[in-house]
Amino acid sequence: MDKELPLTTRIKLRIHYLMCSFCERYAKQLNYMREVSREFPEKIGEISDAKLPAEAKQRLKEALQH
């Protein structure tokens, strides 16, 4: 994924993907994660700064203690 593969390797991968849908799906997922991770620094300002209410924190603490 870091550099372009030789033509023969790309052809072999395409043939493999025709037989193996799991590997094709996995490759698509990896590509998607690469795209999203590249965009993350630009989207950091869009993350919410909402805080958990104190009563919700207390309920979580109590639930974890039991």
PDB file of N, CA and C in Angstrom:
ATOM      1  N   MET A   1       0.814  -1.197   0.000  1.00  0.00           N
ATOM      2  CA  MET A   1       0.000   0.000   0.000  1.00  0.00           C
ATOM      3  C   MET A   1       0.859   1.263   0.000  1.00  0.00           C
ATOM      4  N   ASP A   2       2.116   1.135   0.388  1.00  0.00           N
ATOM      5  CA  ASP A   2       2.990   2.302   0.447  1.00  0.00           C
ATOM      6  C   ASP A   2       3.602   2.658  -0.898  1.00  0.00           C
ATOM      7  N   LYS A   3       3.658   1.697  -1.790  1.00  0.00           N
ATOM      8  CA  LYS A   3       4.202   1.963  -3.118  1.00  0.00           C
ATOM      9  C   LYS A   3       3.421   1.144  -4.146  1.00  0.00           C
ATOM     10  N   GLU A   4       3.523   1.531  -5.386  1.00  0.00           N
ATOM     11  CA  GLU A   4       2.804   0.839  -6.448  1.00  0.00           C
ATOM     12  C   GLU A   4       3.422  -0.540  -6.675  1.00  0.00           C
ATOM     13  N   LEU A   5       2.563  -1.546  -6.784  1.00  0.00           N
ATOM     14  CA  LEU A   5       3.027  -2.913  -7.008  1.00  0.00           C
ATOM     15  C   LEU A   5       3.373  -3.137  -8.473  1.00  0.00           C
ATOM     16  N   PRO A   6       4.268  -4.082  -8.727  1.00  0.00           N
ATOM     17  CA  PRO A   6       4.551  -4.432 -10.119  1.00  0.00           C
ATOM     18  C   PRO A   6       3.287  -4.961 -10.806  1.00  0.00           C
ATOM     19  N   LEU A   7       3.239  -4.818 -12.093  1.00  0.00           N
ATOM     20  CA  LEU A   7       2.066  -5.218 -12.868  1.00  0.00           C
ATOM     21  C   LEU A   7       1.692  -6.678 -12.620  1.00  0.00           C
ATOM     22  N   THR A   8       2.667  -7.571 -12.596  1.00  0.00           N
ATOM     23  CA  THR A   8       2.350  -8.991 -12.397  1.00  0.00           C
ATOM     24  C   THR A   8       1.703  -9.240 -11.041  1.00  0.00           C
ATOM     25  N   THR A   9       2.161  -8.553 -10.021  1.00  0.00           N
ATOM     26  CA  THR A   9       1.583  -8.710  -8.680  1.00  0.00           C
ATOM     27  C   THR A   9       0.163  -8.166  -8.639  1.00  0.00           C
ATOM     28  N   ARG A  10      -0.065  -7.033  -9.293  1.00  0.00           N
ATOM     29  CA  ARG A  10      -1.424  -6.474  -9.339  1.00  0.00           C
ATOM     30  C   ARG A  10      -2.374  -7.424 -10.049  1.00  0.00           C
ATOM     31  N   ILE A  11      -1.915  -8.051 -11.115  1.00  0.00           N
ATOM     32  CA  ILE A  11      -2.748  -9.001 -11.854  1.00  0.00           C
ATOM     33  C   ILE A  11      -3.059 -10.210 -10.976  1.00  0.00           C
ATOM     34  N   LYS A  12      -2.057 -10.697 -10.266  1.00  0.00           N
ATOM     35  CA  LYS A  12      -2.268 -11.832  -9.369  1.00  0.00           C
ATOM     36  C   LYS A  12      -3.277 -11.492  -8.277  1.00  0.00           C
ATOM     37  N   LEU A  13      -3.182 -10.280  -7.740  1.00  0.00           N
ATOM     38  CA  LEU A  13      -4.142  -9.860  -6.717  1.00  0.00           C
ATOM     39  C   LEU A  13      -5.553  -9.802  -7.276  1.00  0.00           C
ATOM     40  N   ARG A  14      -5.708  -9.240  -8.459  1.00  0.00           N
ATOM     41  CA  ARG A  14      -7.033  -9.161  -9.088  1.00  0.00           C
ATOM     42  C   ARG A  14      -7.628 -10.547  -9.280  1.00  0.00           C
ATOM     43  N   ILE A  15      -6.814 -11.480  -9.743  1.00  0.00           N
ATOM     44  CA  ILE A  15      -7.284 -12.855  -9.944  1.00  0.00           C
ATOM     45  C   ILE A  15      -7.679 -13.473  -8.603  1.00  0.00           C
ATOM     46  N   HIS A  16      -6.864 -13.221  -7.599  1.00  0.00           N
ATOM     47  CA  HIS A  16      -7.187 -13.750  -6.273  1.00  0.00           C
ATOM     48  C   HIS A  16      -8.500 -13.163  -5.756  1.00  0.00           C
ATOM     49  N   TYR A  17      -8.685 -11.864  -5.952  1.00  0.00           N
ATOM     50  CA  TYR A  17      -9.923 -11.216  -5.498  1.00  0.00           C
ATOM     51  C   TYR A  17     -11.149 -11.787  -6.199  1.00  0.00           C
ATOM     52  N   LEU A  18     -11.010 -12.247  -7.433  1.00  0.00           N
ATOM     53  CA  LEU A  18     -12.132 -12.870  -8.131  1.00  0.00           C
ATOM     54  C   LEU A  18     -12.561 -14.159  -7.436  1.00  0.00           C
ATOM     55  N   MET A  19     -11.598 -14.827  -6.806  1.00  0.00           N
ATOM     56  CA  MET A  19     -11.901 -16.085  -6.125  1.00  0.00           C
ATOM     57  C   MET A  19     -12.193 -15.893  -4.640  1.00  0.00           C
ATOM     58  N   CYS A  20     -11.663 -14.846  -4.055  1.00  0.00           N
ATOM     59  CA  CYS A  20     -11.731 -14.675  -2.596  1.00  0.00           C
ATOM     60  C   CYS A  20     -12.355 -13.328  -2.237  1.00  0.00           C
ATOM     61  N   SER A  21     -13.624 -13.349  -1.968  1.00  0.00           N
ATOM     62  CA  SER A  21     -14.313 -12.100  -1.638  1.00  0.00           C
ATOM     63  C   SER A  21     -13.880 -11.552  -0.274  1.00  0.00           C
ATOM     64  N   PHE A  22     -13.412 -12.435   0.611  1.00  0.00           N
ATOM     65  CA  PHE A  22     -12.976 -11.970   1.931  1.00  0.00           C
ATOM     66  C   PHE A  22     -11.737 -11.081   1.831  1.00  0.00           C
ATOM     67  N   CYS A  23     -10.771 -11.481   1.011  1.00  0.00           N
ATOM     68  CA  CYS A  23      -9.561 -10.668   0.832  1.00  0.00           C
ATOM     69  C   CYS A  23      -9.884  -9.347   0.131  1.00  0.00           C
ATOM     70  N   GLU A  24     -10.789  -9.399  -0.826  1.00  0.00           N
ATOM     71  CA  GLU A  24     -11.182  -8.171  -1.519  1.00  0.00           C
ATOM     72  C   GLU A  24     -11.839  -7.212  -0.538  1.00  0.00           C
ATOM     73  N   ARG A  25     -12.724  -7.739   0.304  1.00  0.00           N
ATOM     74  CA  ARG A  25     -13.396  -6.904   1.298  1.00  0.00           C
ATOM     75  C   ARG A  25     -12.380  -6.335   2.285  1.00  0.00           C
ATOM     76  N   TYR A  26     -11.424  -7.159   2.697  1.00  0.00           N
ATOM     77  CA  TYR A  26     -10.392  -6.708   3.624  1.00  0.00           C
ATOM     78  C   TYR A  26      -9.554  -5.588   3.008  1.00  0.00           C
ATOM     79  N   ALA A  27      -9.194  -5.724   1.752  1.00  0.00           N
ATOM     80  CA  ALA A  27      -8.420  -4.686   1.065  1.00  0.00           C
ATOM     81  C   ALA A  27      -9.216  -3.382   0.994  1.00  0.00           C
ATOM     82  N   LYS A  28     -10.505  -3.480   0.729  1.00  0.00           N
ATOM     83  CA  LYS A  28     -11.347  -2.283   0.692  1.00  0.00           C
ATOM     84  C   LYS A  28     -11.410  -1.621   2.065  1.00  0.00           C
ATOM     85  N   GLN A  29     -11.505  -2.441   3.116  1.00  0.00           N
ATOM     86  CA  GLN A  29     -11.542  -1.893   4.473  1.00  0.00           C
ATOM     87  C   GLN A  29     -10.231  -1.187   4.806  1.00  0.00           C
ATOM     88  N   LEU A  30      -9.107  -1.788   4.428  1.00  0.00           N
ATOM     89  CA  LEU A  30      -7.809  -1.152   4.673  1.00  0.00           C
ATOM     90  C   LEU A  30      -7.701   0.180   3.940  1.00  0.00           C
ATOM     91  N   ASN A  31      -8.133   0.206   2.692  1.00  0.00           N
ATOM     92  CA  ASN A  31      -8.096   1.460   1.932  1.00  0.00           C
ATOM     93  C   ASN A  31      -8.977   2.517   2.573  1.00  0.00           C
ATOM     94  N   TYR A  32     -10.156   2.115   3.047  1.00  0.00           N
ATOM     95  CA  TYR A  32     -11.052   3.059   3.703  1.00  0.00           C
ATOM     96  C   TYR A  32     -10.402   3.619   4.970  1.00  0.00           C
ATOM     97  N   MET A  33      -9.793   2.764   5.770  1.00  0.00           N
ATOM     98  CA  MET A  33      -9.146   3.232   7.002  1.00  0.00           C
ATOM     99  C   MET A  33      -7.990   4.177   6.702  1.00  0.00           C
ATOM    100  N   ARG A  34      -7.263   3.920   5.619  1.00  0.00           N
ATOM    101  CA  ARG A  34      -6.180   4.833   5.229  1.00  0.00           C
ATOM    102  C   ARG A  34      -6.744   6.201   4.860  1.00  0.00           C
ATOM    103  N   GLU A  35      -7.828   6.211   4.096  1.00  0.00           N
ATOM    104  CA  GLU A  35      -8.444   7.481   3.693  1.00  0.00           C
ATOM    105  C   GLU A  35      -8.935   8.257   4.903  1.00  0.00           C
ATOM    106  N   VAL A  36      -9.625   7.572   5.805  1.00  0.00           N
ATOM    107  CA  VAL A  36     -10.176   8.234   6.981  1.00  0.00           C
ATOM    108  C   VAL A  36      -9.064   8.752   7.885  1.00  0.00           C
ATOM    109  N   SER A  37      -8.020   7.953   8.067  1.00  0.00           N
ATOM    110  CA  SER A  37      -6.932   8.386   8.949  1.00  0.00           C
ATOM    111  C   SER A  37      -6.193   9.594   8.379  1.00  0.00           C
ATOM    112  N   ARG A  38      -6.133   9.706   7.071  1.00  0.00           N
ATOM    113  CA  ARG A  38      -5.498  10.886   6.464  1.00  0.00           C
ATOM    114  C   ARG A  38      -6.331  12.140   6.722  1.00  0.00           C
ATOM    115  N   GLU A  39      -7.638  11.993   6.788  1.00  0.00           N
ATOM    116  CA  GLU A  39      -8.520  13.144   6.989  1.00  0.00           C
ATOM    117  C   GLU A  39      -8.633  13.539   8.450  1.00  0.00           C
ATOM    118  N   PHE A  40      -8.265  12.666   9.367  1.00  0.00           N
ATOM    119  CA  PHE A  40      -8.491  12.921  10.791  1.00  0.00           C
ATOM    120  C   PHE A  40      -7.909  14.238  11.283  1.00  0.00           C
ATOM    121  N   PRO A  41      -6.645  14.559  10.989  1.00  0.00           N
ATOM    122  CA  PRO A  41      -6.112  15.832  11.505  1.00  0.00           C
ATOM    123  C   PRO A  41      -6.931  17.043  11.075  1.00  0.00           C
ATOM    124  N   GLU A  42      -7.531  16.980   9.893  1.00  0.00           N
ATOM    125  CA  GLU A  42      -8.330  18.111   9.425  1.00  0.00           C
ATOM    126  C   GLU A  42      -9.683  18.174  10.136  1.00  0.00           C
ATOM    127  N   LYS A  43     -10.157  17.049  10.639  1.00  0.00           N
ATOM    128  CA  LYS A  43     -11.481  16.984  11.247  1.00  0.00           C
ATOM    129  C   LYS A  43     -11.428  17.088  12.765  1.00  0.00           C
ATOM    130  N   ILE A  44     -10.265  17.265  13.341  1.00  0.00           N
ATOM    131  CA  ILE A  44     -10.126  17.266  14.790  1.00  0.00           C
ATOM    132  C   ILE A  44     -10.986  18.350  15.448  1.00  0.00           C
ATOM    133  N   GLY A  45     -11.190  19.464  14.786  1.00  0.00           N
ATOM    134  CA  GLY A  45     -12.012  20.531  15.344  1.00  0.00           C
ATOM    135  C   GLY A  45     -13.492  20.215  15.386  1.00  0.00           C
ATOM    136  N   GLU A  46     -13.922  19.204  14.655  1.00  0.00           N
ATOM    137  CA  GLU A  46     -15.328  18.840  14.613  1.00  0.00           C
ATOM    138  C   GLU A  46     -15.733  17.911  15.755  1.00  0.00           C
ATOM    139  N   ILE A  47     -14.764  17.462  16.551  1.00  0.00           N
ATOM    140  CA  ILE A  47     -15.066  16.558  17.659  1.00  0.00           C
ATOM    141  C   ILE A  47     -15.757  17.348  18.759  1.00  0.00           C
ATOM    142  N   SER A  48     -16.789  16.769  19.301  1.00  0.00           N
ATOM    143  CA  SER A  48     -17.574  17.435  20.335  1.00  0.00           C
ATOM    144  C   SER A  48     -16.775  17.574  21.625  1.00  0.00           C
ATOM    145  N   ASP A  49     -17.009  18.658  22.341  1.00  0.00           N
ATOM    146  CA  ASP A  49     -16.386  18.833  23.650  1.00  0.00           C
ATOM    147  C   ASP A  49     -17.401  18.612  24.766  1.00  0.00           C
ATOM    148  N   ALA A  50     -18.469  17.867  24.477  1.00  0.00           N
ATOM    149  CA  ALA A  50     -19.517  17.585  25.450  1.00  0.00           C
ATOM    150  C   ALA A  50     -18.947  16.766  26.603  1.00  0.00           C
ATOM    151  N   LYS A  51     -19.410  17.059  27.797  1.00  0.00           N
ATOM    152  CA  LYS A  51     -18.968  16.366  29.005  1.00  0.00           C
ATOM    153  C   LYS A  51     -20.090  15.468  29.522  1.00  0.00           C
ATOM    154  N   LEU A  52     -19.701  14.394  30.183  1.00  0.00           N
ATOM    155  CA  LEU A  52     -20.658  13.486  30.796  1.00  0.00           C
ATOM    156  C   LEU A  52     -21.183  14.139  32.068  1.00  0.00           C
ATOM    157  N   PRO A  53     -22.512  14.200  32.242  1.00  0.00           N
ATOM    158  CA  PRO A  53     -23.065  14.816  33.458  1.00  0.00           C
ATOM    159  C   PRO A  53     -22.592  14.078  34.716  1.00  0.00           C
ATOM    160  N   ALA A  54     -22.498  14.805  35.828  1.00  0.00           N
ATOM    161  CA  ALA A  54     -22.015  14.234  37.091  1.00  0.00           C
ATOM    162  C   ALA A  54     -22.878  13.059  37.538  1.00  0.00           C
ATOM    163  N   GLU A  55     -24.196  13.169  37.359  1.00  0.00           N
ATOM    164  CA  GLU A  55     -25.074  12.066  37.794  1.00  0.00           C
ATOM    165  C   GLU A  55     -24.838  10.810  36.957  1.00  0.00           C
ATOM    166  N   ALA A  56     -24.532  10.971  35.687  1.00  0.00           N
ATOM    167  CA  ALA A  56     -24.235   9.816  34.842  1.00  0.00           C
ATOM    168  C   ALA A  56     -22.907   9.181  35.267  1.00  0.00           C
ATOM    169  N   LYS A  57     -21.930  10.005  35.633  1.00  0.00           N
ATOM    170  CA  LYS A  57     -20.660   9.479  36.120  1.00  0.00           C
ATOM    171  C   LYS A  57     -20.867   8.668  37.392  1.00  0.00           C
ATOM    172  N   GLN A  58     -21.710   9.194  38.267  1.00  0.00           N
ATOM    173  CA  GLN A  58     -21.975   8.505  39.528  1.00  0.00           C
ATOM    174  C   GLN A  58     -22.652   7.157  39.274  1.00  0.00           C
ATOM    175  N   ARG A  59     -23.618   7.125  38.364  1.00  0.00           N
ATOM    176  CA  ARG A  59     -24.296   5.857  38.049  1.00  0.00           C
ATOM    177  C   ARG A  59     -23.310   4.843  37.469  1.00  0.00           C
ATOM    178  N   LEU A  60     -22.389   5.299  36.640  1.00  0.00           N
ATOM    179  CA  LEU A  60     -21.377   4.402  36.091  1.00  0.00           C
ATOM    180  C   LEU A  60     -20.469   3.850  37.186  1.00  0.00           C
ATOM    181  N   LYS A  61     -20.052   4.719  38.097  1.00  0.00           N
ATOM    182  CA  LYS A  61     -19.206   4.276  39.214  1.00  0.00           C
ATOM    183  C   LYS A  61     -19.915   3.209  40.040  1.00  0.00           C
ATOM    184  N   GLU A  62     -21.187   3.457  40.354  1.00  0.00           N
ATOM    185  CA  GLU A  62     -21.946   2.510  41.157  1.00  0.00           C
ATOM    186  C   GLU A  62     -22.134   1.180  40.419  1.00  0.00           C
ATOM    187  N   ALA A  63     -22.405   1.257  39.137  1.00  0.00           N
ATOM    188  CA  ALA A  63     -22.588   0.031  38.357  1.00  0.00           C
ATOM    189  C   ALA A  63     -21.300  -0.778  38.295  1.00  0.00           C
ATOM    190  N   LEU A  64     -20.165  -0.101  38.191  1.00  0.00           N
ATOM    191  CA  LEU A  64     -18.883  -0.801  38.120  1.00  0.00           C
ATOM    192  C   LEU A  64     -18.495  -1.414  39.469  1.00  0.00           C
ATOM    193  N   GLN A  65     -18.935  -0.820  40.546  1.00  0.00           N
ATOM    194  CA  GLN A  65     -18.613  -1.353  41.869  1.00  0.00           C
ATOM    195  C   GLN A  65     -19.403  -2.624  42.167  1.00  0.00           C
ATOM    196  N   HIS A  66     -20.544  -2.784  41.529  1.00  0.00           N
ATOM    197  CA  HIS A  66     -21.375  -3.976  41.782  1.00  0.00           C
ATOM    198  C   HIS A  66     -20.972  -5.025  40.876  1.00  0.00           C
TER     199      HIS A  66
END
